[in-house]
Amino acid sequence: MTLPIEKSIHEEVMKEIKGSIKNSKQKIESYNSNLLTSQVQLINELQRLLEALEIVSNLPVVELSAERAQQIQRIVSKVGQIKYILNQVEHRIGRIKRFLAAKPS
């Protein structure tokens, strides 16, 4: 058994429901669009990774002697130290520039 409902209330409720359905459809469409964009970006990234993998897999592989491996490791370590020092120098230069810019003439 259903209870009778006033026509204006019925119309208002139906209007709200239809508005909610329309809003939900728009949200779903937006979500689907964003999902598609994300999927395309993911596919592009995977394609780049596959290309990189192909390049790396085609590189010649050589075995290094322990001595040569240590030499390379020392060089890599020195490069890391140099990069760290350069970063500190750039930071200090930036501080000096800011100081000079803030200094009243």
PDB file of N, CA and C in Angstrom:
ATOM      1  N   MET A   1       0.836  -1.174   0.000  1.00  0.00           N
ATOM      2  CA  MET A   1       0.000   0.000   0.000  1.00  0.00           C
ATOM      3  C   MET A   1       0.885   1.242   0.000  1.00  0.00           C
ATOM      4  N   THR A   2       0.613   2.185  -0.874  1.00  0.00           N
ATOM      5  CA  THR A   2       1.377   3.424  -0.919  1.00  0.00           C
ATOM      6  C   THR A   2       0.517   4.562  -0.427  1.00  0.00           C
ATOM      7  N   LEU A   3       1.179   5.539   0.154  1.00  0.00           N
ATOM      8  CA  LEU A   3       0.465   6.711   0.649  1.00  0.00           C
ATOM      9  C   LEU A   3       0.441   7.764  -0.445  1.00  0.00           C
ATOM     10  N   PRO A   4      -0.650   8.491  -0.546  1.00  0.00           N
ATOM     11  CA  PRO A   4      -0.690   9.566  -1.545  1.00  0.00           C
ATOM     12  C   PRO A   4       0.288  10.677  -1.141  1.00  0.00           C
ATOM     13  N   ILE A   5       0.856  11.341  -2.136  1.00  0.00           N
ATOM     14  CA  ILE A   5       1.811  12.426  -1.881  1.00  0.00           C
ATOM     15  C   ILE A   5       1.335  13.652  -2.648  1.00  0.00           C
ATOM     16  N   GLU A   6       1.530  14.790  -2.052  1.00  0.00           N
ATOM     17  CA  GLU A   6       1.095  16.030  -2.693  1.00  0.00           C
ATOM     18  C   GLU A   6       1.879  16.225  -3.988  1.00  0.00           C
ATOM     19  N   LYS A   7       1.199  16.681  -5.026  1.00  0.00           N
ATOM     20  CA  LYS A   7       1.790  16.813  -6.353  1.00  0.00           C
ATOM     21  C   LYS A   7       3.023  17.723  -6.347  1.00  0.00           C
ATOM     22  N   SER A   8       2.984  18.840  -5.652  1.00  0.00           N
ATOM     23  CA  SER A   8       4.125  19.770  -5.639  1.00  0.00           C
ATOM     24  C   SER A   8       5.331  19.134  -4.947  1.00  0.00           C
ATOM     25  N   ILE A   9       5.080  18.367  -3.885  1.00  0.00           N
ATOM     26  CA  ILE A   9       6.177  17.686  -3.195  1.00  0.00           C
ATOM     27  C   ILE A   9       6.752  16.617  -4.116  1.00  0.00           C
ATOM     28  N   HIS A  10       5.840  15.893  -4.782  1.00  0.00           N
ATOM     29  CA  HIS A  10       6.282  14.845  -5.721  1.00  0.00           C
ATOM     30  C   HIS A  10       7.159  15.436  -6.815  1.00  0.00           C
ATOM     31  N   GLU A  11       6.718  16.562  -7.371  1.00  0.00           N
ATOM     32  CA  GLU A  11       7.478  17.213  -8.445  1.00  0.00           C
ATOM     33  C   GLU A  11       8.839  17.690  -7.941  1.00  0.00           C
ATOM     34  N   GLU A  12       8.853  18.251  -6.738  1.00  0.00           N
ATOM     35  CA  GLU A  12      10.112  18.735  -6.163  1.00  0.00           C
ATOM     36  C   GLU A  12      11.081  17.583  -5.924  1.00  0.00           C
ATOM     37  N   VAL A  13      10.574  16.474  -5.377  1.00  0.00           N
ATOM     38  CA  VAL A  13      11.411  15.303  -5.129  1.00  0.00           C
ATOM     39  C   VAL A  13      11.939  14.742  -6.451  1.00  0.00           C
ATOM     40  N   MET A  14      11.062  14.648  -7.439  1.00  0.00           N
ATOM     41  CA  MET A  14      11.480  14.134  -8.752  1.00  0.00           C
ATOM     42  C   MET A  14      12.544  15.047  -9.368  1.00  0.00           C
ATOM     43  N   LYS A  15      12.373  16.355  -9.215  1.00  0.00           N
ATOM     44  CA  LYS A  15      13.340  17.322  -9.742  1.00  0.00           C
ATOM     45  C   LYS A  15      14.699  17.123  -9.067  1.00  0.00           C
ATOM     46  N   GLU A  16      14.692  16.950  -7.738  1.00  0.00           N
ATOM     47  CA  GLU A  16      15.936  16.720  -6.992  1.00  0.00           C
ATOM     48  C   GLU A  16      16.607  15.417  -7.434  1.00  0.00           C
ATOM     49  N   ILE A  17      15.819  14.382  -7.586  1.00  0.00           N
ATOM     50  CA  ILE A  17      16.367  13.080  -7.999  1.00  0.00           C
ATOM     51  C   ILE A  17      16.980  13.188  -9.390  1.00  0.00           C
ATOM     52  N   LYS A  18      16.253  13.819 -10.319  1.00  0.00           N
ATOM     53  CA  LYS A  18      16.775  13.982 -11.680  1.00  0.00           C
ATOM     54  C   LYS A  18      18.060  14.815 -11.672  1.00  0.00           C
ATOM     55  N   GLY A  19      18.096  15.870 -10.833  1.00  0.00           N
ATOM     56  CA  GLY A  19      19.304  16.689 -10.721  1.00  0.00           C
ATOM     57  C   GLY A  19      20.469  15.876 -10.175  1.00  0.00           C
ATOM     58  N   SER A  20      20.187  15.049  -9.180  1.00  0.00           N
ATOM     59  CA  SER A  20      21.238  14.198  -8.605  1.00  0.00           C
ATOM     60  C   SER A  20      21.743  13.189  -9.625  1.00  0.00           C
ATOM     61  N   ILE A  21      20.815  12.625 -10.401  1.00  0.00           N
ATOM     62  CA  ILE A  21      21.214  11.658 -11.438  1.00  0.00           C
ATOM     63  C   ILE A  21      22.092  12.350 -12.479  1.00  0.00           C
ATOM     64  N   LYS A  22      21.686  13.551 -12.913  1.00  0.00           N
ATOM     65  CA  LYS A  22      22.468  14.296 -13.903  1.00  0.00           C
ATOM     66  C   LYS A  22      23.853  14.625 -13.355  1.00  0.00           C
ATOM     67  N   ASN A  23      23.917  15.062 -12.093  1.00  0.00           N
ATOM     68  CA  ASN A  23      25.182  15.392 -11.446  1.00  0.00           C
ATOM     69  C   ASN A  23      26.067  14.149 -11.361  1.00  0.00           C
ATOM     70  N   SER A  24      25.466  13.029 -10.991  1.00  0.00           N
ATOM     71  CA  SER A  24      26.219  11.776 -10.903  1.00  0.00           C
ATOM     72  C   SER A  24      26.756  11.364 -12.270  1.00  0.00           C
ATOM     73  N   LYS A  25      25.949  11.513 -13.302  1.00  0.00           N
ATOM     74  CA  LYS A  25      26.402  11.180 -14.658  1.00  0.00           C
ATOM     75  C   LYS A  25      27.590  12.047 -15.051  1.00  0.00           C
ATOM     76  N   GLN A  26      27.521  13.348 -14.718  1.00  0.00           N
ATOM     77  CA  GLN A  26      28.624  14.254 -15.046  1.00  0.00           C
ATOM     78  C   GLN A  26      29.884  13.858 -14.290  1.00  0.00           C
ATOM     79  N   LYS A  27      29.733  13.486 -13.017  1.00  0.00           N
ATOM     80  CA  LYS A  27      30.887  13.056 -12.231  1.00  0.00           C
ATOM     81  C   LYS A  27      31.499  11.790 -12.829  1.00  0.00           C
ATOM     82  N   ILE A  28      30.655  10.866 -13.243  1.00  0.00           N
ATOM     83  CA  ILE A  28      31.149   9.620 -13.844  1.00  0.00           C
ATOM     84  C   ILE A  28      31.869   9.919 -15.150  1.00  0.00           C
ATOM     85  N   GLU A  29      31.300  10.799 -15.980  1.00  0.00           N
ATOM     86  CA  GLU A  29      31.941  11.163 -17.238  1.00  0.00           C
ATOM     87  C   GLU A  29      33.290  11.832 -16.989  1.00  0.00           C
ATOM     88  N   SER A  30      33.339  12.719 -15.992  1.00  0.00           N
ATOM     89  CA  SER A  30      34.598  13.385 -15.641  1.00  0.00           C
ATOM     90  C   SER A  30      35.607  12.361 -15.142  1.00  0.00           C
ATOM     91  N   TYR A  31      35.148  11.459 -14.288  1.00  0.00           N
ATOM     92  CA  TYR A  31      36.029  10.414 -13.763  1.00  0.00           C
ATOM     93  C   TYR A  31      36.559   9.553 -14.906  1.00  0.00           C
ATOM     94  N   ASN A  32      35.668   9.163 -15.825  1.00  0.00           N
ATOM     95  CA  ASN A  32      36.090   8.340 -16.961  1.00  0.00           C
ATOM     96  C   ASN A  32      37.091   9.078 -17.839  1.00  0.00           C
ATOM     97  N   SER A  33      36.861  10.381 -18.029  1.00  0.00           N
ATOM     98  CA  SER A  33      37.787  11.181 -18.829  1.00  0.00           C
ATOM     99  C   SER A  33      39.153  11.247 -18.156  1.00  0.00           C
ATOM    100  N   ASN A  34      39.152  11.507 -16.835  1.00  0.00           N
ATOM    101  CA  ASN A  34      40.413  11.563 -16.090  1.00  0.00           C
ATOM    102  C   ASN A  34      41.107  10.206 -16.093  1.00  0.00           C
ATOM    103  N   LEU A  35      40.324   9.153 -15.969  1.00  0.00           N
ATOM    104  CA  LEU A  35      40.885   7.804 -15.975  1.00  0.00           C
ATOM    105  C   LEU A  35      41.516   7.516 -17.331  1.00  0.00           C
ATOM    106  N   LEU A  36      40.833   7.919 -18.403  1.00  0.00           N
ATOM    107  CA  LEU A  36      41.374   7.711 -19.745  1.00  0.00           C
ATOM    108  C   LEU A  36      42.677   8.478 -19.918  1.00  0.00           C
ATOM    109  N   THR A  37      42.702   9.729 -19.450  1.00  0.00           N
ATOM    110  CA  THR A  37      43.922  10.527 -19.535  1.00  0.00           C
ATOM    111  C   THR A  37      45.050   9.852 -18.769  1.00  0.00           C
ATOM    112  N   SER A  38      44.746   9.360 -17.565  1.00  0.00           N
ATOM    113  CA  SER A  38      45.764   8.673 -16.764  1.00  0.00           C
ATOM    114  C   SER A  38      46.249   7.411 -17.458  1.00  0.00           C
ATOM    115  N   GLN A  39      45.331   6.697 -18.080  1.00  0.00           N
ATOM    116  CA  GLN A  39      45.716   5.473 -18.784  1.00  0.00           C
ATOM    117  C   GLN A  39      46.625   5.794 -19.970  1.00  0.00           C
ATOM    118  N   VAL A  40      46.315   6.865 -20.690  1.00  0.00           N
ATOM    119  CA  VAL A  40      47.144   7.267 -21.825  1.00  0.00           C
ATOM    120  C   VAL A  40      48.537   7.654 -21.323  1.00  0.00           C
ATOM    121  N   GLN A  41      48.594   8.409 -20.222  1.00  0.00           N
ATOM    122  CA  GLN A  41      49.887   8.796 -19.660  1.00  0.00           C
ATOM    123  C   GLN A  41      50.667   7.567 -19.217  1.00  0.00           C
ATOM    124  N   LEU A  42      49.984   6.615 -18.613  1.00  0.00           N
ATOM    125  CA  LEU A  42      50.638   5.383 -18.165  1.00  0.00           C
ATOM    126  C   LEU A  42      51.152   4.586 -19.360  1.00  0.00           C
ATOM    127  N   ILE A  43      50.357   4.508 -20.406  1.00  0.00           N
ATOM    128  CA  ILE A  43      50.789   3.787 -21.612  1.00  0.00           C
ATOM    129  C   ILE A  43      52.015   4.461 -22.213  1.00  0.00           C
ATOM    130  N   ASN A  44      52.004   5.789 -22.276  1.00  0.00           N
ATOM    131  CA  ASN A  44      53.155   6.519 -22.814  1.00  0.00           C
ATOM    132  C   ASN A  44      54.408   6.269 -21.977  1.00  0.00           C
ATOM    133  N   GLU A  45      54.249   6.287 -20.653  1.00  0.00           N
ATOM    134  CA  GLU A  45      55.385   6.033 -19.768  1.00  0.00           C
ATOM    135  C   GLU A  45      55.901   4.608 -19.953  1.00  0.00           C
ATOM    136  N   LEU A  46      54.988   3.662 -20.050  1.00  0.00           N
ATOM    137  CA  LEU A  46      55.403   2.272 -20.280  1.00  0.00           C
ATOM    138  C   LEU A  46      56.122   2.130 -21.617  1.00  0.00           C
ATOM    139  N   GLN A  47      55.654   2.859 -22.630  1.00  0.00           N
ATOM    140  CA  GLN A  47      56.314   2.817 -23.938  1.00  0.00           C
ATOM    141  C   GLN A  47      57.739   3.350 -23.836  1.00  0.00           C
ATOM    142  N   ARG A  48      57.912   4.457 -23.098  1.00  0.00           N
ATOM    143  CA  ARG A  48      59.258   5.012 -22.911  1.00  0.00           C
ATOM    144  C   ARG A  48      60.146   4.019 -22.160  1.00  0.00           C
ATOM    145  N   LEU A  49      59.585   3.360 -21.154  1.00  0.00           N
ATOM    146  CA  LEU A  49      60.363   2.379 -20.399  1.00  0.00           C
ATOM    147  C   LEU A  49      60.744   1.186 -21.272  1.00  0.00           C
ATOM    148  N   LEU A  50      59.827   0.764 -22.121  1.00  0.00           N
ATOM    149  CA  LEU A  50      60.141  -0.342 -23.031  1.00  0.00           C
ATOM    150  C   LEU A  50      61.254   0.050 -24.004  1.00  0.00           C
ATOM    151  N   GLU A  51      61.184   1.280 -24.501  1.00  0.00           N
ATOM    152  CA  GLU A  51      62.238   1.754 -25.398  1.00  0.00           C
ATOM    153  C   GLU A  51      63.575   1.794 -24.669  1.00  0.00           C
ATOM    154  N   ALA A  52      63.561   2.288 -23.434  1.00  0.00           N
ATOM    155  CA  ALA A  52      64.796   2.332 -22.646  1.00  0.00           C
ATOM    156  C   ALA A  52      65.308   0.919 -22.387  1.00  0.00           C
ATOM    157  N   LEU A  53      64.410   0.003 -22.081  1.00  0.00           N
ATOM    158  CA  LEU A  53      64.795  -1.390 -21.845  1.00  0.00           C
ATOM    159  C   LEU A  53      65.418  -1.991 -23.090  1.00  0.00           C
ATOM    160  N   GLU A  54      64.851  -1.679 -24.242  1.00  0.00           N
ATOM    161  CA  GLU A  54      65.398  -2.204 -25.498  1.00  0.00           C
ATOM    162  C   GLU A  54      66.807  -1.665 -25.734  1.00  0.00           C
ATOM    163  N   ILE A  55      66.987  -0.367 -25.478  1.00  0.00           N
ATOM    164  CA  ILE A  55      68.311   0.238 -25.657  1.00  0.00           C
ATOM    165  C   ILE A  55      69.317  -0.414 -24.715  1.00  0.00           C
ATOM    166  N   VAL A  56      68.929  -0.537 -23.444  1.00  0.00           N
ATOM    167  CA  VAL A  56      69.835  -1.112 -22.448  1.00  0.00           C
ATOM    168  C   VAL A  56      70.126  -2.577 -22.768  1.00  0.00           C
ATOM    169  N   SER A  57      69.116  -3.295 -23.216  1.00  0.00           N
ATOM    170  CA  SER A  57      69.333  -4.717 -23.494  1.00  0.00           C
ATOM    171  C   SER A  57      70.253  -4.926 -24.690  1.00  0.00           C
ATOM    172  N   ASN A  58      70.376  -3.917 -25.548  1.00  0.00           N
ATOM    173  CA  ASN A  58      71.253  -4.036 -26.713  1.00  0.00           C
ATOM    174  C   ASN A  58      72.679  -3.552 -26.438  1.00  0.00           C
ATOM    175  N   LEU A  59      72.913  -3.026 -25.246  1.00  0.00           N
ATOM    176  CA  LEU A  59      74.262  -2.577 -24.909  1.00  0.00           C
ATOM    177  C   LEU A  59      75.166  -3.792 -24.690  1.00  0.00           C
ATOM    178  N   PRO A  60      76.407  -3.664 -25.101  1.00  0.00           N
ATOM    179  CA  PRO A  60      77.319  -4.786 -24.869  1.00  0.00           C
ATOM    180  C   PRO A  60      77.625  -4.927 -23.376  1.00  0.00           C
ATOM    181  N   VAL A  61      77.735  -6.139 -22.942  1.00  0.00           N
ATOM    182  CA  VAL A  61      78.022  -6.414 -21.537  1.00  0.00           C
ATOM    183  C   VAL A  61      79.458  -6.910 -21.443  1.00  0.00           C
ATOM    184  N   VAL A  62      80.203  -6.299 -20.541  1.00  0.00           N
ATOM    185  CA  VAL A  62      81.587  -6.716 -20.341  1.00  0.00           C
ATOM    186  C   VAL A  62      81.784  -7.016 -18.862  1.00  0.00           C
ATOM    187  N   GLU A  63      82.675  -7.929 -18.588  1.00  0.00           N
ATOM    188  CA  GLU A  63      82.992  -8.222 -17.206  1.00  0.00           C
ATOM    189  C   GLU A  63      84.244  -7.442 -16.837  1.00  0.00           C
ATOM    190  N   LEU A  64      84.177  -6.794 -15.698  1.00  0.00           N
ATOM    191  CA  LEU A  64      85.297  -5.989 -15.237  1.00  0.00           C
ATOM    192  C   LEU A  64      86.091  -6.770 -14.205  1.00  0.00           C
ATOM    193  N   SER A  65      87.355  -6.499 -14.213  1.00  0.00           N
ATOM    194  CA  SER A  65      88.178  -7.071 -13.148  1.00  0.00           C
ATOM    195  C   SER A  65      87.823  -6.355 -11.854  1.00  0.00           C
ATOM    196  N   ALA A  66      88.119  -6.958 -10.751  1.00  0.00           N
ATOM    197  CA  ALA A  66      87.824  -6.347  -9.457  1.00  0.00           C
ATOM    198  C   ALA A  66      88.531  -5.001  -9.323  1.00  0.00           C
ATOM    199  N   GLU A  67      89.772  -4.946  -9.822  1.00  0.00           N
ATOM    200  CA  GLU A  67      90.539  -3.700  -9.736  1.00  0.00           C
ATOM    201  C   GLU A  67      89.874  -2.602 -10.560  1.00  0.00           C
ATOM    202  N   ARG A  68      89.447  -2.934 -11.780  1.00  0.00           N
ATOM    203  CA  ARG A  68      88.802  -1.945 -12.660  1.00  0.00           C
ATOM    204  C   ARG A  68      87.457  -1.504 -12.066  1.00  0.00           C
ATOM    205  N   ALA A  69      86.730  -2.421 -11.490  1.00  0.00           N
ATOM    206  CA  ALA A  69      85.450  -2.085 -10.858  1.00  0.00           C
ATOM    207  C   ALA A  69      85.670  -1.121  -9.696  1.00  0.00           C
ATOM    208  N   GLN A  70      86.733  -1.333  -8.920  1.00  0.00           N
ATOM    209  CA  GLN A  70      87.049  -0.426  -7.815  1.00  0.00           C
ATOM    210  C   GLN A  70      87.435   0.951  -8.333  1.00  0.00           C
ATOM    211  N   GLN A  71      88.192   0.988  -9.450  1.00  0.00           N
ATOM    212  CA  GLN A  71      88.577   2.272 -10.033  1.00  0.00           C
ATOM    213  C   GLN A  71      87.325   3.047 -10.466  1.00  0.00           C
ATOM    214  N   ILE A  72      86.429   2.350 -11.119  1.00  0.00           N
ATOM    215  CA  ILE A  72      85.191   3.002 -11.575  1.00  0.00           C
ATOM    216  C   ILE A  72      84.381   3.481 -10.370  1.00  0.00           C
ATOM    217  N   GLN A  73      84.318   2.669  -9.322  1.00  0.00           N
ATOM    218  CA  GLN A  73      83.579   3.052  -8.119  1.00  0.00           C
ATOM    219  C   GLN A  73      84.193   4.293  -7.480  1.00  0.00           C
ATOM    220  N   ARG A  74      85.525   4.383  -7.470  1.00  0.00           N
ATOM    221  CA  ARG A  74      86.174   5.572  -6.921  1.00  0.00           C
ATOM    222  C   ARG A  74      85.858   6.802  -7.772  1.00  0.00           C
ATOM    223  N   ILE A  75      85.866   6.629  -9.084  1.00  0.00           N
ATOM    224  CA  ILE A  75      85.531   7.753  -9.980  1.00  0.00           C
ATOM    225  C   ILE A  75      84.090   8.204  -9.735  1.00  0.00           C
ATOM    226  N   VAL A  76      83.178   7.261  -9.633  1.00  0.00           N
ATOM    227  CA  VAL A  76      81.774   7.600  -9.378  1.00  0.00           C
ATOM    228  C   VAL A  76      81.642   8.322  -8.041  1.00  0.00           C
ATOM    229  N   SER A  77      82.380   7.867  -7.048  1.00  0.00           N
ATOM    230  CA  SER A  77      82.363   8.501  -5.731  1.00  0.00           C
ATOM    231  C   SER A  77      82.883   9.933  -5.812  1.00  0.00           C
ATOM    232  N   LYS A  78      83.985  10.125  -6.543  1.00  0.00           N
ATOM    233  CA  LYS A  78      84.553  11.472  -6.694  1.00  0.00           C
ATOM    234  C   LYS A  78      83.572  12.389  -7.423  1.00  0.00           C
ATOM    235  N   VAL A  79      82.921  11.871  -8.461  1.00  0.00           N
ATOM    236  CA  VAL A  79      81.928  12.678  -9.194  1.00  0.00           C
ATOM    237  C   VAL A  79      80.805  13.086  -8.247  1.00  0.00           C
ATOM    238  N   GLY A  80      80.362  12.159  -7.404  1.00  0.00           N
ATOM    239  CA  GLY A  80      79.329  12.483  -6.420  1.00  0.00           C
ATOM    240  C   GLY A  80      79.779  13.571  -5.469  1.00  0.00           C
ATOM    241  N   GLN A  81      81.040  13.492  -5.017  1.00  0.00           N
ATOM    242  CA  GLN A  81      81.581  14.517  -4.121  1.00  0.00           C
ATOM    243  C   GLN A  81      81.645  15.871  -4.815  1.00  0.00           C
ATOM    244  N   ILE A  82      82.071  15.863  -6.069  1.00  0.00           N
ATOM    245  CA  ILE A  82      82.161  17.111  -6.837  1.00  0.00           C
ATOM    246  C   ILE A  82      80.774  17.722  -7.006  1.00  0.00           C
ATOM    247  N   LYS A  83      79.776  16.886  -7.322  1.00  0.00           N
ATOM    248  CA  LYS A  83      78.402  17.385  -7.478  1.00  0.00           C
ATOM    249  C   LYS A  83      77.910  17.998  -6.168  1.00  0.00           C
ATOM    250  N   TYR A  84      78.246  17.363  -5.045  1.00  0.00           N
ATOM    251  CA  TYR A  84      77.837  17.873  -3.739  1.00  0.00           C
ATOM    252  C   TYR A  84      78.479  19.239  -3.480  1.00  0.00           C
ATOM    253  N   ILE A  85      79.773  19.351  -3.767  1.00  0.00           N
ATOM    254  CA  ILE A  85      80.485  20.615  -3.555  1.00  0.00           C
ATOM    255  C   ILE A  85      79.914  21.704  -4.455  1.00  0.00           C
ATOM    256  N   LEU A  86      79.640  21.368  -5.725  1.00  0.00           N
ATOM    257  CA  LEU A  86      79.062  22.357  -6.641  1.00  0.00           C
ATOM    258  C   LEU A  86      77.690  22.817  -6.152  1.00  0.00           C
ATOM    259  N   ASN A  87      76.932  21.897  -5.629  1.00  0.00           N
ATOM    260  CA  ASN A  87      75.617  22.247  -5.098  1.00  0.00           C
ATOM    261  C   ASN A  87      75.758  23.210  -3.928  1.00  0.00           C
ATOM    262  N   GLN A  88      76.730  22.960  -3.046  1.00  0.00           N
ATOM    263  CA  GLN A  88      76.967  23.867  -1.918  1.00  0.00           C
ATOM    264  C   GLN A  88      77.398  25.248  -2.418  1.00  0.00           C
ATOM    265  N   VAL A  89      78.273  25.283  -3.410  1.00  0.00           N
ATOM    266  CA  VAL A  89      78.743  26.557  -3.969  1.00  0.00           C
ATOM    267  C   VAL A  89      77.561  27.322  -4.571  1.00  0.00           C
ATOM    268  N   GLU A  90      76.708  26.623  -5.345  1.00  0.00           N
ATOM    269  CA  GLU A  90      75.540  27.281  -5.936  1.00  0.00           C
ATOM    270  C   GLU A  90      74.627  27.834  -4.845  1.00  0.00           C
ATOM    271  N   HIS A  91      74.469  27.076  -3.773  1.00  0.00           N
ATOM    272  CA  HIS A  91      73.631  27.527  -2.664  1.00  0.00           C
ATOM    273  C   HIS A  91      74.221  28.790  -2.030  1.00  0.00           C
ATOM    274  N   ARG A  92      75.527  28.797  -1.822  1.00  0.00           N
ATOM    275  CA  ARG A  92      76.179  29.969  -1.219  1.00  0.00           C
ATOM    276  C   ARG A  92      76.107  31.173  -2.144  1.00  0.00           C
ATOM    277  N   ILE A  93      76.279  30.954  -3.442  1.00  0.00           N
ATOM    278  CA  ILE A  93      76.159  32.058  -4.406  1.00  0.00           C
ATOM    279  C   ILE A  93      74.754  32.644  -4.336  1.00  0.00           C
ATOM    280  N   GLY A  94      73.752  31.766  -4.246  1.00  0.00           N
ATOM    281  CA  GLY A  94      72.363  32.234  -4.126  1.00  0.00           C
ATOM    282  C   GLY A  94      72.153  33.066  -2.876  1.00  0.00           C
ATOM    283  N   ARG A  95      72.745  32.622  -1.764  1.00  0.00           N
ATOM    284  CA  ARG A  95      72.631  33.383  -0.510  1.00  0.00           C
ATOM    285  C   ARG A  95      73.295  34.747  -0.649  1.00  0.00           C
ATOM    286  N   ILE A  96      74.464  34.778  -1.286  1.00  0.00           N
ATOM    287  CA  ILE A  96      75.174  36.048  -1.477  1.00  0.00           C
ATOM    288  C   ILE A  96      74.354  36.976  -2.366  1.00  0.00           C
ATOM    289  N   LYS A  97      73.784  36.434  -3.444  1.00  0.00           N
ATOM    290  CA  LYS A  97      72.952  37.276  -4.329  1.00  0.00           C
ATOM    291  C   LYS A  97      71.759  37.837  -3.578  1.00  0.00           C
ATOM    292  N   ARG A  98      71.114  37.017  -2.760  1.00  0.00           N
ATOM    293  CA  ARG A  98      69.959  37.513  -2.000  1.00  0.00           C
ATOM    294  C   ARG A  98      70.386  38.573  -1.007  1.00  0.00           C
ATOM    295  N   PHE A  99      71.550  38.362  -0.379  1.00  0.00           N
ATOM    296  CA  PHE A  99      72.057  39.336   0.566  1.00  0.00           C
ATOM    297  C   PHE A  99      72.324  40.665  -0.139  1.00  0.00           C
ATOM    298  N   LEU A 100      72.980  40.586  -1.301  1.00  0.00           N
ATOM    299  CA  LEU A 100      73.314  41.810  -2.041  1.00  0.00           C
ATOM    300  C   LEU A 100      72.041  42.501  -2.544  1.00  0.00           C
ATOM    301  N   ALA A 101      71.056  41.718  -2.933  1.00  0.00           N
ATOM    302  CA  ALA A 101      69.810  42.308  -3.431  1.00  0.00           C
ATOM    303  C   ALA A 101      69.043  43.005  -2.296  1.00  0.00           C
ATOM    304  N   ALA A 102      69.162  42.456  -1.100  1.00  0.00           N
ATOM    305  CA  ALA A 102      68.445  43.019   0.060  1.00  0.00           C
ATOM    306  C   ALA A 102      69.195  44.193   0.691  1.00  0.00           C
ATOM    307  N   LYS A 103      70.478  44.305   0.403  1.00  0.00           N
ATOM    308  CA  LYS A 103      71.317  45.344   1.003  1.00  0.00           C
ATOM    309  C   LYS A 103      70.902  46.710   0.462  1.00  0.00           C
ATOM    310  N   PRO A 104      70.648  47.658   1.332  1.00  0.00           N
ATOM    311  CA  PRO A 104      70.255  49.007   0.847  1.00  0.00           C
ATOM    312  C   PRO A 104      71.431  49.671   0.137  1.00  0.00           C
ATOM    313  N   SER A 105      71.132  50.393  -0.915  1.00  0.00           N
ATOM    314  CA  SER A 105      72.173  51.050  -1.713  1.00  0.00           C
ATOM    315  C   SER A 105      72.738  52.250  -1.012  1.00  0.00           C
TER     316      SER A 105
END
